[in-house]
PDB file of N, CA and C in Angstrom:
ATOM      1  N   UNK A   1      -5.659  -7.922   7.008  1.00  0.00           N
ATOM      2  CA  UNK A   1      -4.380  -7.328   6.843  1.00  0.00           C
ATOM      3  C   UNK A   1      -3.644  -8.021   5.694  1.00  0.00           C
ATOM      4  N   UNK A   2      -3.114  -7.209   4.764  1.00  0.00           N
ATOM      5  CA  UNK A   2      -2.506  -7.768   3.576  1.00  0.00           C
ATOM      6  C   UNK A   2      -1.090  -8.344   3.771  1.00  0.00           C
ATOM      7  N   UNK A   3      -0.550  -8.340   4.952  1.00  0.00           N
ATOM      8  CA  UNK A   3       0.868  -8.751   5.184  1.00  0.00           C
ATOM      9  C   UNK A   3       0.921  -9.996   6.050  1.00  0.00           C
ATOM     10  N   UNK A   4      -0.027 -10.905   5.943  1.00  0.00           N
ATOM     11  CA  UNK A   4      -0.037 -12.077   6.809  1.00  0.00           C
ATOM     12  C   UNK A   4       1.076 -13.031   6.585  1.00  0.00           C
ATOM     13  N   UNK A   5       1.594 -13.161   5.379  1.00  0.00           N
ATOM     14  CA  UNK A   5       2.631 -14.113   5.099  1.00  0.00           C
ATOM     15  C   UNK A   5       4.052 -13.556   5.208  1.00  0.00           C
ATOM     16  N   UNK A   6       4.195 -12.342   5.681  1.00  0.00           N
ATOM     17  CA  UNK A   6       5.507 -11.692   5.788  1.00  0.00           C
ATOM     18  C   UNK A   6       6.151 -12.095   7.079  1.00  0.00           C
ATOM     19  N   UNK A   7       7.425 -12.424   7.010  1.00  0.00           N
ATOM     20  CA  UNK A   7       8.199 -12.764   8.226  1.00  0.00           C
ATOM     21  C   UNK A   7       9.017 -11.512   8.578  1.00  0.00           C
ATOM     22  N   UNK A   8       8.658 -10.892   9.725  1.00  0.00           N
ATOM     23  CA  UNK A   8       9.313  -9.674  10.167  1.00  0.00           C
ATOM     24  C   UNK A   8       9.041  -9.552  11.662  1.00  0.00           C
ATOM     25  N   UNK A   9       9.806  -8.652  12.271  1.00  0.00           N
ATOM     26  CA  UNK A   9       9.604  -8.349  13.694  1.00  0.00           C
ATOM     27  C   UNK A   9       8.277  -7.627  13.824  1.00  0.00           C
ATOM     28  N   UNK A  10       7.661  -7.821  15.031  1.00  0.00           N
ATOM     29  CA  UNK A  10       6.334  -7.211  15.242  1.00  0.00           C
ATOM     30  C   UNK A  10       6.288  -5.705  14.948  1.00  0.00           C
ATOM     31  N   UNK A  11       7.337  -4.999  15.335  1.00  0.00           N
ATOM     32  CA  UNK A  11       7.327  -3.567  15.061  1.00  0.00           C
ATOM     33  C   UNK A  11       7.374  -3.230  13.583  1.00  0.00           C
ATOM     34  N   UNK A  12       8.030  -4.071  12.811  1.00  0.00           N
ATOM     35  CA  UNK A  12       8.052  -3.909  11.343  1.00  0.00           C
ATOM     36  C   UNK A  12       6.714  -4.222  10.732  1.00  0.00           C
ATOM     37  N   UNK A  13       6.034  -5.281  11.225  1.00  0.00           N
ATOM     38  CA  UNK A  13       4.698  -5.563  10.767  1.00  0.00           C
ATOM     39  C   UNK A  13       3.737  -4.430  11.032  1.00  0.00           C
ATOM     40  N   UNK A  14       3.868  -3.887  12.251  1.00  0.00           N
ATOM     41  CA  UNK A  14       3.006  -2.733  12.611  1.00  0.00           C
ATOM     42  C   UNK A  14       3.319  -1.562  11.699  1.00  0.00           C
ATOM     43  N   UNK A  15       4.571  -1.354  11.353  1.00  0.00           N
ATOM     44  CA  UNK A  15       4.923  -0.225  10.482  1.00  0.00           C
ATOM     45  C   UNK A  15       4.291  -0.472   9.075  1.00  0.00           C
ATOM     46  N   UNK A  16       4.359  -1.690   8.596  1.00  0.00           N
ATOM     47  CA  UNK A  16       3.747  -1.985   7.295  1.00  0.00           C
ATOM     48  C   UNK A  16       2.217  -1.804   7.327  1.00  0.00           C
ATOM     49  N   UNK A  17       1.598  -2.280   8.404  1.00  0.00           N
ATOM     50  CA  UNK A  17       0.141  -2.131   8.514  1.00  0.00           C
ATOM     51  C   UNK A  17      -0.256  -0.674   8.625  1.00  0.00           C
ATOM     52  N   UNK A  18       0.488   0.100   9.398  1.00  0.00           N
ATOM     53  CA  UNK A  18       0.162   1.552   9.480  1.00  0.00           C
ATOM     54  C   UNK A  18       0.401   2.246   8.177  1.00  0.00           C
ATOM     55  N   UNK A  19       1.464   1.867   7.444  1.00  0.00           N
ATOM     56  CA  UNK A  19       1.729   2.508   6.178  1.00  0.00           C
ATOM     57  C   UNK A  19       0.609   2.139   5.175  1.00  0.00           C
ATOM     58  N   UNK A  20       0.137   0.895   5.229  1.00  0.00           N
ATOM     59  CA  UNK A  20      -0.921   0.486   4.302  1.00  0.00           C
ATOM     60  C   UNK A  20      -2.170   1.276   4.636  1.00  0.00           C
ATOM     61  N   UNK A  21      -2.523   1.387   5.903  1.00  0.00           N
ATOM     62  CA  UNK A  21      -3.784   2.136   6.258  1.00  0.00           C
ATOM     63  C   UNK A  21      -3.675   3.575   5.789  1.00  0.00           C
ATOM     64  N   UNK A  22      -2.540   4.245   6.068  1.00  0.00           N
ATOM     65  CA  UNK A  22      -2.382   5.589   5.661  1.00  0.00           C
ATOM     66  C   UNK A  22      -2.397   5.767   4.145  1.00  0.00           C
ATOM     67  N   UNK A  23      -1.719   4.862   3.441  1.00  0.00           N
ATOM     68  CA  UNK A  23      -1.708   4.925   2.002  1.00  0.00           C
ATOM     69  C   UNK A  23      -3.068   4.691   1.407  1.00  0.00           C
ATOM     70  N   UNK A  24      -3.834   3.743   1.940  1.00  0.00           N
ATOM     71  CA  UNK A  24      -5.155   3.492   1.441  1.00  0.00           C
ATOM     72  C   UNK A  24      -6.091   4.685   1.576  1.00  0.00           C
ATOM     73  N   UNK A  25      -5.978   5.390   2.686  1.00  0.00           N
ATOM     74  CA  UNK A  25      -6.735   6.635   2.879  1.00  0.00           C
ATOM     75  C   UNK A  25      -6.216   7.661   1.853  1.00  0.00           C
ATOM     76  N   UNK A  26      -4.921   7.725   1.637  1.00  0.00           N
ATOM     77  CA  UNK A  26      -4.374   8.636   0.660  1.00  0.00           C
ATOM     78  C   UNK A  26      -4.848   8.361  -0.791  1.00  0.00           C
ATOM     79  N   UNK A  27      -4.828   7.103  -1.137  1.00  0.00           N
ATOM     80  CA  UNK A  27      -5.280   6.705  -2.460  1.00  0.00           C
ATOM     81  C   UNK A  27      -6.747   7.087  -2.645  1.00  0.00           C
ATOM     82  N   UNK A  28      -7.588   6.798  -1.686  1.00  0.00           N
ATOM     83  CA  UNK A  28      -8.986   7.084  -1.799  1.00  0.00           C
ATOM     84  C   UNK A  28      -9.325   8.552  -1.738  1.00  0.00           C
ATOM     85  N   UNK A  29      -8.402   9.329  -1.122  1.00  0.00           N
ATOM     86  CA  UNK A  29      -8.708  10.791  -1.098  1.00  0.00           C
ATOM     87  C   UNK A  29      -8.415  11.429  -2.462  1.00  0.00           C
ATOM     88  N   UNK A  30      -7.622  10.790  -3.285  1.00  0.00           N
ATOM     89  CA  UNK A  30      -7.336  11.277  -4.631  1.00  0.00           C
ATOM     90  C   UNK A  30      -8.300  10.690  -5.650  1.00  0.00           C
ATOM     91  N   UNK A  31      -8.542   9.382  -5.518  1.00  0.00           N
ATOM     92  CA  UNK A  31      -9.394   8.658  -6.474  1.00  0.00           C
ATOM     93  C   UNK A  31     -10.103   7.573  -5.739  1.00  0.00           C
ATOM     94  N   UNK A  32     -11.410   7.713  -5.459  1.00  0.00           N
ATOM     95  CA  UNK A  32     -12.177   6.708  -4.764  1.00  0.00           C
ATOM     96  C   UNK A  32     -12.234   5.407  -5.563  1.00  0.00           C
ATOM     97  N   UNK A  33     -11.757   4.354  -4.941  1.00  0.00           N
ATOM     98  CA  UNK A  33     -11.748   3.044  -5.571  1.00  0.00           C
ATOM     99  C   UNK A  33     -13.097   2.406  -5.355  1.00  0.00           C
ATOM    100  N   UNK A  34     -13.725   2.020  -6.415  1.00  0.00           N
ATOM    101  CA  UNK A  34     -15.062   1.362  -6.342  1.00  0.00           C
ATOM    102  C   UNK A  34     -14.994   0.007  -5.648  1.00  0.00           C
ATOM    103  N   UNK A  35     -16.128  -0.420  -5.203  1.00  0.00           N
ATOM    104  CA  UNK A  35     -16.199  -1.658  -4.457  1.00  0.00           C
ATOM    105  C   UNK A  35     -15.679  -2.857  -5.254  1.00  0.00           C
ATOM    106  N   UNK A  36     -15.954  -2.928  -6.497  1.00  0.00           N
ATOM    107  CA  UNK A  36     -15.542  -4.083  -7.316  1.00  0.00           C
ATOM    108  C   UNK A  36     -14.015  -4.146  -7.455  1.00  0.00           C
ATOM    109  N   UNK A  37     -13.366  -3.005  -7.539  1.00  0.00           N
ATOM    110  CA  UNK A  37     -11.923  -2.905  -7.801  1.00  0.00           C
ATOM    111  C   UNK A  37     -11.086  -2.875  -6.483  1.00  0.00           C
ATOM    112  N   UNK A  38     -11.740  -2.835  -5.360  1.00  0.00           N
ATOM    113  CA  UNK A  38     -11.007  -2.661  -4.126  1.00  0.00           C
ATOM    114  C   UNK A  38     -10.006  -3.781  -3.800  1.00  0.00           C
ATOM    115  N   UNK A  39     -10.448  -5.030  -4.015  1.00  0.00           N
ATOM    116  CA  UNK A  39      -9.527  -6.103  -3.685  1.00  0.00           C
ATOM    117  C   UNK A  39      -8.246  -6.035  -4.491  1.00  0.00           C
ATOM    118  N   UNK A  40      -8.396  -5.791  -5.788  1.00  0.00           N
ATOM    119  CA  UNK A  40      -7.215  -5.712  -6.685  1.00  0.00           C
ATOM    120  C   UNK A  40      -6.383  -4.487  -6.309  1.00  0.00           C
ATOM    121  N   UNK A  41      -6.996  -3.364  -6.015  1.00  0.00           N
ATOM    122  CA  UNK A  41      -6.264  -2.191  -5.686  1.00  0.00           C
ATOM    123  C   UNK A  41      -5.535  -2.325  -4.341  1.00  0.00           C
ATOM    124  N   UNK A  42      -6.190  -2.983  -3.396  1.00  0.00           N
ATOM    125  CA  UNK A  42      -5.520  -3.176  -2.095  1.00  0.00           C
ATOM    126  C   UNK A  42      -4.339  -4.120  -2.179  1.00  0.00           C
ATOM    127  N   UNK A  43      -4.481  -5.182  -3.032  1.00  0.00           N
ATOM    128  CA  UNK A  43      -3.358  -6.090  -3.247  1.00  0.00           C
ATOM    129  C   UNK A  43      -2.205  -5.337  -3.922  1.00  0.00           C
ATOM    130  N   UNK A  44      -2.545  -4.519  -4.883  1.00  0.00           N
ATOM    131  CA  UNK A  44      -1.494  -3.738  -5.603  1.00  0.00           C
ATOM    132  C   UNK A  44      -0.774  -2.796  -4.647  1.00  0.00           C
ATOM    133  N   UNK A  45      -1.553  -2.108  -3.784  1.00  0.00           N
ATOM    134  CA  UNK A  45      -0.959  -1.187  -2.819  1.00  0.00           C
ATOM    135  C   UNK A  45      -0.091  -1.923  -1.869  1.00  0.00           C
ATOM    136  N   UNK A  46      -0.529  -3.123  -1.354  1.00  0.00           N
ATOM    137  CA  UNK A  46       0.308  -3.874  -0.415  1.00  0.00           C
ATOM    138  C   UNK A  46       1.589  -4.298  -1.097  1.00  0.00           C
ATOM    139  N   UNK A  47       1.512  -4.711  -2.347  1.00  0.00           N
ATOM    140  CA  UNK A  47       2.753  -5.127  -3.096  1.00  0.00           C
ATOM    141  C   UNK A  47       3.724  -3.909  -3.179  1.00  0.00           C
ATOM    142  N   UNK A  48       3.166  -2.767  -3.460  1.00  0.00           N
ATOM    143  CA  UNK A  48       4.004  -1.569  -3.532  1.00  0.00           C
ATOM    144  C   UNK A  48       4.683  -1.221  -2.220  1.00  0.00           C
ATOM    145  N   UNK A  49       3.944  -1.357  -1.118  1.00  0.00           N
ATOM    146  CA  UNK A  49       4.481  -1.087   0.209  1.00  0.00           C
ATOM    147  C   UNK A  49       5.559  -2.103   0.522  1.00  0.00           C
ATOM    148  N   UNK A  50       5.379  -3.369   0.186  1.00  0.00           N
ATOM    149  CA  UNK A  50       6.430  -4.350   0.423  1.00  0.00           C
ATOM    150  C   UNK A  50       7.684  -4.080  -0.393  1.00  0.00           C
ATOM    151  N   UNK A  51       7.437  -3.660  -1.619  1.00  0.00           N
ATOM    152  CA  UNK A  51       8.598  -3.323  -2.485  1.00  0.00           C
ATOM    153  C   UNK A  51       9.405  -2.187  -1.888  1.00  0.00           C
ATOM    154  N   UNK A  52       8.701  -1.144  -1.506  1.00  0.00           N
ATOM    155  CA  UNK A  52       9.357   0.033  -0.907  1.00  0.00           C
ATOM    156  C   UNK A  52      10.066  -0.356   0.396  1.00  0.00           C
ATOM    157  N   UNK A  53       9.444  -1.179   1.246  1.00  0.00           N
ATOM    158  CA  UNK A  53      10.052  -1.630   2.507  1.00  0.00           C
ATOM    159  C   UNK A  53      11.298  -2.403   2.283  1.00  0.00           C
ATOM    160  N   UNK A  54      11.260  -3.265   1.223  1.00  0.00           N
ATOM    161  CA  UNK A  54      12.459  -4.078   0.917  1.00  0.00           C
ATOM    162  C   UNK A  54      13.586  -3.219   0.342  1.00  0.00           C
ATOM    163  N   UNK A  55      13.211  -2.152  -0.382  1.00  0.00           N
ATOM    164  CA  UNK A  55      14.233  -1.243  -0.890  1.00  0.00           C
ATOM    165  C   UNK A  55      14.935  -0.485   0.241  1.00  0.00           C
ATOM    166  N   UNK A  56      14.143   0.036   1.163  1.00  0.00           N
ATOM    167  CA  UNK A  56      14.738   0.752   2.320  1.00  0.00           C
ATOM    168  C   UNK A  56      13.745   0.842   3.425  1.00  0.00           C
ATOM    169  N   UNK A  57      13.809  -0.109   4.419  1.00  0.00           N
ATOM    170  CA  UNK A  57      12.822  -0.161   5.469  1.00  0.00           C
ATOM    171  C   UNK A  57      12.883   1.032   6.438  1.00  0.00           C
ATOM    172  N   UNK A  58      13.916   1.868   6.356  1.00  0.00           N
ATOM    173  CA  UNK A  58      14.012   3.003   7.260  1.00  0.00           C
ATOM    174  C   UNK A  58      13.218   4.235   6.791  1.00  0.00           C
ATOM    175  N   UNK A  59      12.800   4.255   5.510  1.00  0.00           N
ATOM    176  CA  UNK A  59      12.118   5.433   5.027  1.00  0.00           C
ATOM    177  C   UNK A  59      10.641   5.329   5.220  1.00  0.00           C
ATOM    178  N   UNK A  60       9.903   6.489   5.316  1.00  0.00           N
ATOM    179  CA  UNK A  60       8.453   6.432   5.443  1.00  0.00           C
ATOM    180  C   UNK A  60       7.852   5.814   4.170  1.00  0.00           C
ATOM    181  N   UNK A  61       6.828   4.987   4.438  1.00  0.00           N
ATOM    182  CA  UNK A  61       6.315   4.231   3.325  1.00  0.00           C
ATOM    183  C   UNK A  61       4.999   4.753   2.735  1.00  0.00           C
ATOM    184  N   UNK A  62       4.093   5.303   3.579  1.00  0.00           N
ATOM    185  CA  UNK A  62       2.760   5.643   3.169  1.00  0.00           C
ATOM    186  C   UNK A  62       2.683   6.599   1.952  1.00  0.00           C
ATOM    187  N   UNK A  63       3.257   7.769   2.088  1.00  0.00           N
ATOM    188  CA  UNK A  63       3.244   8.735   1.021  1.00  0.00           C
ATOM    189  C   UNK A  63       3.941   8.268  -0.257  1.00  0.00           C
ATOM    190  N   UNK A  64       5.031   7.607  -0.106  1.00  0.00           N
ATOM    191  CA  UNK A  64       5.768   7.058  -1.257  1.00  0.00           C
ATOM    192  C   UNK A  64       4.942   5.974  -1.938  1.00  0.00           C
ATOM    193  N   UNK A  65       4.187   5.187  -1.169  1.00  0.00           N
ATOM    194  CA  UNK A  65       3.346   4.170  -1.788  1.00  0.00           C
ATOM    195  C   UNK A  65       2.213   4.773  -2.577  1.00  0.00           C
ATOM    196  N   UNK A  66       1.645   5.860  -2.075  1.00  0.00           N
ATOM    197  CA  UNK A  66       0.580   6.541  -2.835  1.00  0.00           C
ATOM    198  C   UNK A  66       1.109   7.066  -4.135  1.00  0.00           C
ATOM    199  N   UNK A  67       2.283   7.718  -4.095  1.00  0.00           N
ATOM    200  CA  UNK A  67       2.879   8.264  -5.302  1.00  0.00           C
ATOM    201  C   UNK A  67       3.190   7.144  -6.298  1.00  0.00           C
ATOM    202  N   UNK A  68       3.684   6.020  -5.825  1.00  0.00           N
ATOM    203  CA  UNK A  68       3.962   4.922  -6.766  1.00  0.00           C
ATOM    204  C   UNK A  68       2.700   4.263  -7.271  1.00  0.00           C
ATOM    205  N   UNK A  69       1.721   4.208  -6.452  1.00  0.00           N
ATOM    206  CA  UNK A  69       0.386   3.673  -6.888  1.00  0.00           C
ATOM    207  C   UNK A  69      -0.145   4.460  -8.075  1.00  0.00           C
ATOM    208  N   UNK A  70      -0.111   5.792  -7.955  1.00  0.00           N
ATOM    209  CA  UNK A  70      -0.588   6.621  -9.017  1.00  0.00           C
ATOM    210  C   UNK A  70       0.341   6.738 -10.213  1.00  0.00           C
ATOM    211  N   UNK A  71       1.587   6.407 -10.004  1.00  0.00           N
ATOM    212  CA  UNK A  71       2.557   6.429 -11.072  1.00  0.00           C
ATOM    213  C   UNK A  71       2.419   5.265 -12.078  1.00  0.00           C
ATOM    214  N   UNK A  72       1.629   4.259 -11.646  1.00  0.00           N
ATOM    215  CA  UNK A  72       1.317   3.096 -12.498  1.00  0.00           C
ATOM    216  C   UNK A  72       0.656   3.463 -13.749  1.00  0.00           C
ATOM    217  N   UNK A  73       0.643   2.493 -14.659  1.00  0.00           N
ATOM    218  CA  UNK A  73       0.039   2.740 -15.995  1.00  0.00           C
ATOM    219  C   UNK A  73      -1.430   3.068 -15.954  1.00  0.00           C
ATOM    220  N   UNK A  74      -2.180   2.453 -15.030  1.00  0.00           N
ATOM    221  CA  UNK A  74      -3.603   2.690 -15.021  1.00  0.00           C
ATOM    222  C   UNK A  74      -4.157   2.477 -13.646  1.00  0.00           C
ATOM    223  N   UNK A  75      -5.238   3.178 -13.321  1.00  0.00           N
ATOM    224  CA  UNK A  75      -5.941   3.044 -12.057  1.00  0.00           C
ATOM    225  C   UNK A  75      -6.892   1.836 -12.163  1.00  0.00           C
ATOM    226  N   UNK A  76      -7.103   1.178 -11.026  1.00  0.00           N
ATOM    227  CA  UNK A  76      -8.121   0.103 -11.043  1.00  0.00           C
ATOM    228  C   UNK A  76      -9.509   0.661 -11.431  1.00  0.00           C
ATOM    229  N   UNK A  77     -10.237  -0.023 -12.194  1.00  0.00           N
ATOM    230  CA  UNK A  77     -11.546   0.406 -12.609  1.00  0.00           C
ATOM    231  C   UNK A  77     -12.620  -0.129 -11.717  1.00  0.00           C
ATOM    232  N   UNK A  78     -13.639   0.653 -11.373  1.00  0.00           N
ATOM    233  CA  UNK A  78     -14.732   0.179 -10.521  1.00  0.00           C
ATOM    234  C   UNK A  78     -15.502  -0.974 -11.149  1.00  0.00           C
TER     235      UNK A  78
END
């Protein structure tokens, strides 16, 4: 789980983990991330989810994270 060092209530950690899982599936449905680039891409996606959560924890995170992931300058290369 990419959110081990986050201090939050258990329900918020579950929300982050669920958002990450949904966003990772969403990212890979648009652009399959190769094995070599997965660690970097997963870290980037986790950072995006944390940023969105800090901006407004009440909003859905998964879809917004996918949008922001692909709005970046470049996709991770395999």
